[in-house]
Every structure is written in structure tokens, then in C-alpha cells.
Amino acid sequence: MAETADEGLSSRLTRQAEDALGKLAQDLLENPLINGAITRAFDAREKAAQAQEVAMGALNLPSAADLERLTRRVRSVSQRLEGLEDGLDRLEDSVHRLGREEGIAERLEGIEEQLEALTRELAGVREALPGAATPVPSSQERLEVGESQ
């Protein structure tokens, strides 16, 4: 029971202290002299920041805002480069996969050899036909035109 009384007393004291501090802060802010001093202090701080920025600009030194913008742009470029690298890696993997497929080059060579063999065979059949005339190149072919009436 003593612990509960101590916790109640502690929370009551904390609450009273917070209320007193809040009332003091409210009274200070309502005081025109304190309020004017705080306003002048903030104005002076703003003017000092502007003067510092002008001085750094005159010395050709970047301000904190300039450095922050530059940092954001560098991050953006870095992310875009990472995206491009990822795309190139995927493209490279695809090219390697196509190159690794078994026998693509060999299959193409086999097809070419078969086409050449078929061409030779057709030429042999054409020569073996009785009464086969030598073929006229397509550039020299002429169409027969019927007689006009």
C-alpha cells in the first residue's frame, strides 16, 4: 500500500510541476517584453543566416542547401546507374544463355549443308531429265505475249 501511495504522490507531483511549467511558459509568452525579445532573436538569426549565405556566395563556396541539392542529384544519378547496370546484367545473362544452348551453331551449319546437298541434287535431276533445256536466268526471261487482233 505504501508503494501505491508513493506512485500516486509521484504522479501528482509530476503533474503539478508540468502544470506550473506550462503556466510559466504561457505567462512568459504573453509578456510583450519577452515576446518582443524572442521575435528579435529569431529575426537576428534569420539575418545572420542570410548574411552567411551571401558571404559564402561571394567567396564562391557552396551553401548547405547547395550541398544538399548536389547530394540528392548524385543519389538520383547513382540509382539510375544501378538500374542501368541491372538491365545490362540481365541482357548479358540472356546473351550467354542463348550462346550456351547446345548446338545452335552446329545446327545452323547442318541446315546449310543440307540445303547445299538439296541444291546439288536438284541440279542433277534437272540434267538427267530428257530434253531438259538449260534454264534461262530469271533476268533474261521474257513473257510470251499473245498476238493482238
N, C-alpha and C. Protein backbone atom coordinates (compact mmCIF):
# COMPACT_ATOMS: atom_id res chain seq x y z
N MET A 1 0.80 -1.17 0.00
CA MET A 1 0.00 0.00 0.00
C MET A 1 0.86 1.25 0.00
N ALA A 2 2.04 1.14 0.64
CA ALA A 2 2.96 2.28 0.69
C ALA A 2 3.46 2.60 -0.70
N GLU A 3 3.66 1.54 -1.53
CA GLU A 3 4.13 1.75 -2.91
C GLU A 3 3.09 2.48 -3.73
N THR A 4 1.84 2.15 -3.57
CA THR A 4 0.76 2.80 -4.30
C THR A 4 0.66 4.26 -3.90
N ALA A 5 0.82 4.55 -2.64
CA ALA A 5 0.77 5.93 -2.17
C ALA A 5 1.95 6.72 -2.73
N ASP A 6 3.14 6.08 -2.79
CA ASP A 6 4.33 6.75 -3.35
C ASP A 6 4.14 7.03 -4.84
N GLU A 7 3.57 6.07 -5.58
CA GLU A 7 3.32 6.26 -7.01
C GLU A 7 2.29 7.35 -7.24
N GLY A 8 1.26 7.41 -6.41
CA GLY A 8 0.24 8.44 -6.52
C GLY A 8 0.82 9.81 -6.22
N LEU A 9 1.67 9.90 -5.18
CA LEU A 9 2.30 11.16 -4.81
C LEU A 9 3.25 11.61 -5.91
N SER A 10 4.01 10.66 -6.46
CA SER A 10 4.98 10.98 -7.52
C SER A 10 4.27 11.49 -8.77
N SER A 11 3.20 10.81 -9.16
CA SER A 11 2.49 11.24 -10.37
C SER A 11 1.79 12.58 -10.13
N ARG A 12 1.31 12.80 -8.90
CA ARG A 12 0.67 14.07 -8.58
C ARG A 12 1.69 15.21 -8.60
N LEU A 13 2.87 14.98 -8.06
CA LEU A 13 3.93 15.99 -8.08
C LEU A 13 4.39 16.29 -9.51
N THR A 14 4.51 15.25 -10.32
CA THR A 14 4.91 15.42 -11.72
C THR A 14 3.88 16.24 -12.46
N ARG A 15 2.62 15.94 -12.25
CA ARG A 15 1.55 16.67 -12.92
C ARG A 15 1.52 18.13 -12.48
N GLN A 16 1.72 18.38 -11.20
CA GLN A 16 1.73 19.75 -10.69
C GLN A 16 2.91 20.53 -11.24
N ALA A 17 4.07 19.86 -11.35
CA ALA A 17 5.27 20.52 -11.90
C ALA A 17 5.06 20.86 -13.37
N GLU A 18 4.46 19.94 -14.10
CA GLU A 18 4.19 20.20 -15.52
C GLU A 18 3.22 21.34 -15.69
N ASP A 19 2.20 21.38 -14.86
CA ASP A 19 1.22 22.47 -14.92
C ASP A 19 1.88 23.81 -14.60
N ALA A 20 2.75 23.81 -13.59
CA ALA A 20 3.43 25.06 -13.20
C ALA A 20 4.34 25.54 -14.32
N LEU A 21 5.08 24.62 -14.92
CA LEU A 21 5.97 24.99 -16.04
C LEU A 21 5.17 25.49 -17.23
N GLY A 22 4.06 24.88 -17.52
CA GLY A 22 3.20 25.31 -18.62
C GLY A 22 2.65 26.70 -18.38
N LYS A 23 2.23 26.95 -17.14
CA LYS A 23 1.69 28.28 -16.80
C LYS A 23 2.79 29.34 -16.89
N LEU A 24 3.99 29.00 -16.43
CA LEU A 24 5.12 29.93 -16.51
C LEU A 24 5.45 30.25 -17.97
N ALA A 25 5.50 29.22 -18.81
CA ALA A 25 5.80 29.42 -20.23
C ALA A 25 4.71 30.28 -20.88
N GLN A 26 3.47 30.02 -20.55
CA GLN A 26 2.36 30.81 -21.11
C GLN A 26 2.45 32.27 -20.67
N ASP A 27 2.76 32.49 -19.41
CA ASP A 27 2.90 33.86 -18.90
C ASP A 27 4.06 34.59 -19.58
N LEU A 28 5.17 33.85 -19.79
CA LEU A 28 6.33 34.47 -20.45
C LEU A 28 6.01 34.85 -21.89
N LEU A 29 5.30 33.97 -22.60
CA LEU A 29 4.97 34.25 -23.99
C LEU A 29 3.96 35.39 -24.11
N GLU A 30 3.10 35.54 -23.11
CA GLU A 30 2.13 36.63 -23.14
C GLU A 30 2.75 37.97 -22.76
N ASN A 31 3.92 37.94 -22.14
CA ASN A 31 4.61 39.16 -21.76
C ASN A 31 5.15 39.83 -23.03
N PRO A 32 4.75 41.07 -23.30
CA PRO A 32 5.20 41.74 -24.53
C PRO A 32 6.71 41.92 -24.60
N LEU A 33 7.36 42.13 -23.48
CA LEU A 33 8.81 42.33 -23.48
C LEU A 33 9.53 41.04 -23.89
N ILE A 34 9.12 39.91 -23.30
CA ILE A 34 9.73 38.61 -23.63
C ILE A 34 9.39 38.23 -25.07
N ASN A 35 8.14 38.42 -25.45
CA ASN A 35 7.70 38.08 -26.79
C ASN A 35 8.48 38.88 -27.83
N GLY A 36 8.67 40.18 -27.58
CA GLY A 36 9.45 41.02 -28.50
C GLY A 36 10.89 40.58 -28.58
N ALA A 37 11.47 40.19 -27.44
CA ALA A 37 12.87 39.73 -27.42
C ALA A 37 13.03 38.44 -28.24
N ILE A 38 12.08 37.54 -28.07
CA ILE A 38 12.14 36.27 -28.83
C ILE A 38 11.99 36.55 -30.33
N THR A 39 11.08 37.44 -30.69
CA THR A 39 10.88 37.79 -32.10
C THR A 39 12.14 38.40 -32.69
N ARG A 40 12.78 39.35 -31.93
CA ARG A 40 14.02 39.97 -32.41
C ARG A 40 15.14 38.95 -32.54
N ALA A 41 15.20 38.00 -31.61
CA ALA A 41 16.24 36.97 -31.66
C ALA A 41 16.07 36.12 -32.91
N PHE A 42 14.84 35.74 -33.23
CA PHE A 42 14.60 34.93 -34.44
C PHE A 42 14.91 35.74 -35.71
N ASP A 43 14.54 37.04 -35.70
CA ASP A 43 14.86 37.89 -36.85
C ASP A 43 16.36 38.01 -37.04
N ALA A 44 17.08 38.19 -35.93
CA ALA A 44 18.54 38.30 -36.00
C ALA A 44 19.16 37.01 -36.52
N ARG A 45 18.60 35.89 -36.07
CA ARG A 45 19.12 34.60 -36.55
C ARG A 45 18.91 34.46 -38.06
N GLU A 46 17.74 34.86 -38.55
CA GLU A 46 17.45 34.78 -39.99
C GLU A 46 18.38 35.69 -40.78
N LYS A 47 18.60 36.92 -40.28
CA LYS A 47 19.50 37.85 -40.97
C LYS A 47 20.93 37.34 -40.97
N ALA A 48 21.36 36.71 -39.89
CA ALA A 48 22.71 36.15 -39.82
C ALA A 48 22.85 35.01 -40.83
N ALA A 49 21.83 34.18 -40.96
CA ALA A 49 21.87 33.08 -41.93
C ALA A 49 21.94 33.62 -43.36
N GLN A 50 21.16 34.69 -43.63
CA GLN A 50 21.21 35.30 -44.97
C GLN A 50 22.57 35.91 -45.23
N ALA A 51 23.13 36.60 -44.23
CA ALA A 51 24.45 37.21 -44.40
C ALA A 51 25.52 36.15 -44.63
N GLN A 52 25.40 35.05 -43.93
CA GLN A 52 26.35 33.95 -44.10
C GLN A 52 26.25 33.38 -45.52
N GLU A 53 25.04 33.22 -46.00
CA GLU A 53 24.84 32.69 -47.35
C GLU A 53 25.41 33.63 -48.41
N VAL A 54 25.20 34.96 -48.21
CA VAL A 54 25.74 35.95 -49.15
C VAL A 54 27.27 35.93 -49.11
N ALA A 55 27.84 35.84 -47.92
CA ALA A 55 29.30 35.82 -47.79
C ALA A 55 29.88 34.58 -48.45
N MET A 56 29.24 33.44 -48.26
CA MET A 56 29.75 32.20 -48.87
C MET A 56 29.61 32.27 -50.38
N GLY A 57 28.53 32.90 -50.86
CA GLY A 57 28.37 33.08 -52.30
C GLY A 57 29.45 33.99 -52.86
N ALA A 58 29.79 35.05 -52.10
CA ALA A 58 30.83 35.96 -52.56
C ALA A 58 32.19 35.27 -52.61
N LEU A 59 32.41 34.33 -51.73
CA LEU A 59 33.67 33.56 -51.73
C LEU A 59 33.61 32.36 -52.67
N ASN A 60 32.47 32.22 -53.36
CA ASN A 60 32.25 31.12 -54.29
C ASN A 60 32.30 29.76 -53.59
N LEU A 61 31.76 29.72 -52.37
CA LEU A 61 31.68 28.48 -51.61
C LEU A 61 30.22 28.03 -51.60
N PRO A 62 29.97 26.74 -51.72
CA PRO A 62 28.58 26.27 -51.73
C PRO A 62 27.96 26.35 -50.34
N SER A 63 26.68 26.64 -50.32
CA SER A 63 25.95 26.67 -49.05
C SER A 63 25.49 25.26 -48.70
N ALA A 64 24.95 25.13 -47.51
CA ALA A 64 24.43 23.82 -47.09
C ALA A 64 23.31 23.37 -48.01
N ALA A 65 22.48 24.31 -48.45
CA ALA A 65 21.38 23.96 -49.36
C ALA A 65 21.93 23.49 -50.70
N ASP A 66 23.01 24.15 -51.18
CA ASP A 66 23.63 23.72 -52.44
C ASP A 66 24.19 22.30 -52.30
N LEU A 67 24.84 22.04 -51.18
CA LEU A 67 25.40 20.70 -50.96
C LEU A 67 24.29 19.65 -50.86
N GLU A 68 23.19 20.01 -50.23
CA GLU A 68 22.06 19.08 -50.11
C GLU A 68 21.47 18.76 -51.48
N ARG A 69 21.29 19.80 -52.32
CA ARG A 69 20.77 19.57 -53.67
C ARG A 69 21.73 18.69 -54.47
N LEU A 70 23.02 18.98 -54.36
CA LEU A 70 24.01 18.18 -55.07
C LEU A 70 23.99 16.73 -54.59
N THR A 71 23.86 16.54 -53.29
CA THR A 71 23.80 15.19 -52.74
C THR A 71 22.59 14.43 -53.27
N ARG A 72 21.43 15.11 -53.33
CA ARG A 72 20.22 14.45 -53.87
C ARG A 72 20.41 14.08 -55.33
N ARG A 73 21.04 14.98 -56.10
CA ARG A 73 21.23 14.68 -57.53
C ARG A 73 22.20 13.52 -57.72
N VAL A 74 23.26 13.49 -56.92
CA VAL A 74 24.23 12.39 -57.02
C VAL A 74 23.54 11.07 -56.66
N ARG A 75 22.69 11.08 -55.63
CA ARG A 75 21.95 9.86 -55.27
C ARG A 75 21.05 9.43 -56.41
N SER A 76 20.38 10.40 -57.03
CA SER A 76 19.49 10.09 -58.14
C SER A 76 20.26 9.47 -59.30
N VAL A 77 21.40 10.07 -59.64
CA VAL A 77 22.22 9.53 -60.73
C VAL A 77 22.72 8.14 -60.36
N SER A 78 23.11 7.96 -59.11
CA SER A 78 23.59 6.66 -58.66
C SER A 78 22.50 5.60 -58.80
N GLN A 79 21.27 5.93 -58.42
CA GLN A 79 20.17 4.97 -58.55
C GLN A 79 19.89 4.63 -60.00
N ARG A 80 19.96 5.65 -60.86
CA ARG A 80 19.73 5.39 -62.28
C ARG A 80 20.83 4.51 -62.86
N LEU A 81 22.08 4.75 -62.44
CA LEU A 81 23.18 3.90 -62.91
C LEU A 81 23.00 2.47 -62.44
N GLU A 82 22.56 2.30 -61.20
CA GLU A 82 22.32 0.94 -60.70
C GLU A 82 21.25 0.25 -61.53
N GLY A 83 20.21 0.99 -61.90
CA GLY A 83 19.16 0.41 -62.75
C GLY A 83 19.71 0.00 -64.11
N LEU A 84 20.55 0.85 -64.69
CA LEU A 84 21.16 0.51 -65.98
C LEU A 84 22.07 -0.70 -65.85
N GLU A 85 22.85 -0.76 -64.77
CA GLU A 85 23.72 -1.91 -64.56
C GLU A 85 22.90 -3.19 -64.44
N ASP A 86 21.79 -3.13 -63.71
CA ASP A 86 20.93 -4.31 -63.58
C ASP A 86 20.39 -4.75 -64.94
N GLY A 87 19.95 -3.77 -65.75
CA GLY A 87 19.45 -4.10 -67.09
C GLY A 87 20.53 -4.72 -67.96
N LEU A 88 21.76 -4.16 -67.89
CA LEU A 88 22.86 -4.73 -68.68
C LEU A 88 23.20 -6.14 -68.20
N ASP A 89 23.15 -6.36 -66.90
CA ASP A 89 23.42 -7.71 -66.38
C ASP A 89 22.39 -8.71 -66.90
N ARG A 90 21.10 -8.30 -66.90
CA ARG A 90 20.07 -9.21 -67.42
C ARG A 90 20.29 -9.48 -68.90
N LEU A 91 20.64 -8.44 -69.66
CA LEU A 91 20.88 -8.61 -71.09
C LEU A 91 22.07 -9.54 -71.33
N GLU A 92 23.13 -9.34 -70.56
CA GLU A 92 24.32 -10.19 -70.70
C GLU A 92 23.98 -11.64 -70.37
N ASP A 93 23.19 -11.86 -69.32
CA ASP A 93 22.78 -13.23 -68.98
C ASP A 93 21.98 -13.87 -70.11
N SER A 94 21.10 -13.09 -70.73
CA SER A 94 20.30 -13.61 -71.84
C SER A 94 21.19 -14.00 -73.01
N VAL A 95 22.17 -13.15 -73.32
CA VAL A 95 23.08 -13.45 -74.44
C VAL A 95 23.88 -14.70 -74.14
N HIS A 96 24.36 -14.83 -72.89
CA HIS A 96 25.13 -16.02 -72.53
C HIS A 96 24.26 -17.28 -72.59
N ARG A 97 22.99 -17.14 -72.16
CA ARG A 97 22.09 -18.29 -72.21
C ARG A 97 21.88 -18.74 -73.64
N LEU A 98 21.69 -17.78 -74.55
CA LEU A 98 21.49 -18.13 -75.96
C LEU A 98 22.75 -18.78 -76.53
N GLY A 99 23.91 -18.26 -76.14
CA GLY A 99 25.16 -18.83 -76.64
C GLY A 99 25.43 -20.21 -76.10
N ARG A 100 24.93 -20.50 -74.90
CA ARG A 100 25.19 -21.80 -74.27
C ARG A 100 24.25 -22.89 -74.75
N GLU A 101 23.14 -22.50 -75.38
CA GLU A 101 22.22 -23.54 -75.83
C GLU A 101 22.98 -24.49 -76.76
N GLU A 102 22.77 -25.76 -76.49
CA GLU A 102 23.57 -26.79 -77.16
C GLU A 102 23.35 -26.80 -78.67
N GLY A 103 24.42 -26.66 -79.39
CA GLY A 103 24.45 -26.90 -80.81
C GLY A 103 23.74 -25.91 -81.69
N ILE A 104 23.54 -24.69 -81.29
CA ILE A 104 22.87 -23.74 -82.19
C ILE A 104 23.73 -23.53 -83.42
N ALA A 105 25.02 -23.25 -83.22
CA ALA A 105 25.91 -23.03 -84.37
C ALA A 105 26.01 -24.31 -85.20
N GLU A 106 26.11 -25.45 -84.51
CA GLU A 106 26.23 -26.73 -85.23
C GLU A 106 24.95 -27.04 -85.99
N ARG A 107 23.80 -26.74 -85.41
CA ARG A 107 22.53 -26.98 -86.10
C ARG A 107 22.43 -26.12 -87.34
N LEU A 108 22.84 -24.84 -87.23
CA LEU A 108 22.80 -23.96 -88.39
C LEU A 108 23.73 -24.47 -89.50
N GLU A 109 24.90 -24.93 -89.12
CA GLU A 109 25.83 -25.48 -90.13
C GLU A 109 25.22 -26.71 -90.79
N GLY A 110 24.56 -27.57 -90.00
CA GLY A 110 23.92 -28.76 -90.56
C GLY A 110 22.82 -28.38 -91.55
N ILE A 111 22.02 -27.37 -91.22
CA ILE A 111 20.96 -26.92 -92.12
C ILE A 111 21.56 -26.40 -93.42
N GLU A 112 22.64 -25.62 -93.31
CA GLU A 112 23.29 -25.09 -94.52
C GLU A 112 23.82 -26.23 -95.39
N GLU A 113 24.40 -27.25 -94.77
CA GLU A 113 24.92 -28.38 -95.54
C GLU A 113 23.78 -29.13 -96.24
N GLN A 114 22.66 -29.31 -95.57
CA GLN A 114 21.53 -29.97 -96.18
C GLN A 114 20.98 -29.18 -97.36
N LEU A 115 20.92 -27.84 -97.21
CA LEU A 115 20.46 -27.01 -98.33
C LEU A 115 21.40 -27.13 -99.53
N GLU A 116 22.68 -27.14 -99.28
CA GLU A 116 23.64 -27.29 -100.39
C GLU A 116 23.47 -28.65 -101.05
N ALA A 117 23.25 -29.71 -100.25
CA ALA A 117 23.06 -31.05 -100.82
C ALA A 117 21.79 -31.10 -101.66
N LEU A 118 20.70 -30.48 -101.19
CA LEU A 118 19.45 -30.44 -101.95
C LEU A 118 19.64 -29.68 -103.26
N THR A 119 20.39 -28.59 -103.21
CA THR A 119 20.64 -27.82 -104.43
C THR A 119 21.40 -28.66 -105.44
N ARG A 120 22.41 -29.40 -105.00
CA ARG A 120 23.18 -30.26 -105.91
C ARG A 120 22.30 -31.37 -106.48
N GLU A 121 21.44 -31.93 -105.63
CA GLU A 121 20.54 -32.98 -106.08
C GLU A 121 19.57 -32.48 -107.14
N LEU A 122 18.98 -31.31 -106.92
CA LEU A 122 18.06 -30.73 -107.89
C LEU A 122 18.77 -30.45 -109.22
N ALA A 123 19.98 -29.99 -109.15
CA ALA A 123 20.74 -29.73 -110.38
C ALA A 123 20.98 -31.06 -111.12
N GLY A 124 21.28 -32.13 -110.39
CA GLY A 124 21.49 -33.44 -111.01
C GLY A 124 20.21 -33.96 -111.64
N VAL A 125 19.07 -33.78 -110.98
CA VAL A 125 17.79 -34.23 -111.52
C VAL A 125 17.47 -33.46 -112.79
N ARG A 126 17.70 -32.18 -112.80
CA ARG A 126 17.42 -31.34 -113.96
C ARG A 126 18.27 -31.81 -115.16
N GLU A 127 19.51 -32.11 -114.91
CA GLU A 127 20.38 -32.54 -116.00
C GLU A 127 19.97 -33.93 -116.50
N ALA A 128 19.44 -34.77 -115.64
CA ALA A 128 19.08 -36.13 -116.02
C ALA A 128 17.76 -36.20 -116.79
N LEU A 129 16.94 -35.19 -116.73
CA LEU A 129 15.66 -35.20 -117.44
C LEU A 129 15.91 -35.17 -118.95
N PRO A 130 15.17 -36.01 -119.71
CA PRO A 130 15.38 -35.99 -121.16
C PRO A 130 14.81 -34.70 -121.75
N GLY A 131 15.52 -34.11 -122.60
CA GLY A 131 15.09 -32.90 -123.30
C GLY A 131 15.07 -31.68 -122.41
N ALA A 132 15.78 -31.76 -121.34
CA ALA A 132 15.80 -30.59 -120.45
C ALA A 132 16.67 -29.52 -121.06
N ALA A 133 16.11 -28.40 -121.16
CA ALA A 133 16.88 -27.28 -121.71
C ALA A 133 17.61 -26.61 -120.55
N THR A 134 18.64 -25.97 -120.95
CA THR A 134 19.36 -25.24 -119.91
C THR A 134 18.47 -24.09 -119.44
N PRO A 135 18.38 -23.91 -118.18
CA PRO A 135 17.48 -22.88 -117.69
C PRO A 135 18.00 -21.48 -118.06
N VAL A 136 17.04 -20.63 -118.34
CA VAL A 136 17.36 -19.25 -118.67
C VAL A 136 17.40 -18.48 -117.36
N PRO A 137 18.43 -17.67 -117.18
CA PRO A 137 18.46 -16.88 -115.94
C PRO A 137 17.23 -15.98 -115.86
N SER A 138 16.74 -15.78 -114.65
CA SER A 138 15.50 -15.03 -114.48
C SER A 138 15.62 -13.61 -115.00
N SER A 139 16.79 -13.06 -115.03
CA SER A 139 16.95 -11.71 -115.55
C SER A 139 16.76 -11.66 -117.06
N GLN A 140 16.86 -12.83 -117.76
CA GLN A 140 16.72 -12.85 -119.21
C GLN A 140 15.40 -13.46 -119.66
N GLU A 141 14.57 -13.85 -118.73
CA GLU A 141 13.29 -14.45 -119.11
C GLU A 141 12.39 -13.40 -119.72
N ARG A 142 11.56 -13.87 -120.72
CA ARG A 142 10.57 -12.98 -121.33
C ARG A 142 9.24 -13.68 -121.32
N LEU A 143 8.23 -12.92 -121.11
CA LEU A 143 6.88 -13.49 -121.14
C LEU A 143 6.40 -13.50 -122.58
N GLU A 144 5.68 -14.55 -122.95
CA GLU A 144 5.14 -14.59 -124.28
C GLU A 144 3.86 -13.80 -124.28
N VAL A 145 3.73 -12.94 -125.28
CA VAL A 145 2.55 -12.10 -125.37
C VAL A 145 1.71 -12.63 -126.53
N GLY A 146 0.42 -12.76 -126.29
CA GLY A 146 -0.46 -13.26 -127.34
C GLY A 146 -0.54 -12.24 -128.48
N GLU A 147 -0.85 -12.75 -129.67
CA GLU A 147 -0.95 -11.85 -130.82
C GLU A 147 -2.13 -10.93 -130.65
N SER A 148 -1.96 -9.74 -131.02
CA SER A 148 -3.05 -8.77 -130.91
C SER A 148 -3.92 -8.89 -132.13
N GLN A 149 -5.21 -8.67 -132.05
CA GLN A 149 -6.12 -8.86 -133.16
C GLN A 149 -6.42 -7.60 -133.83
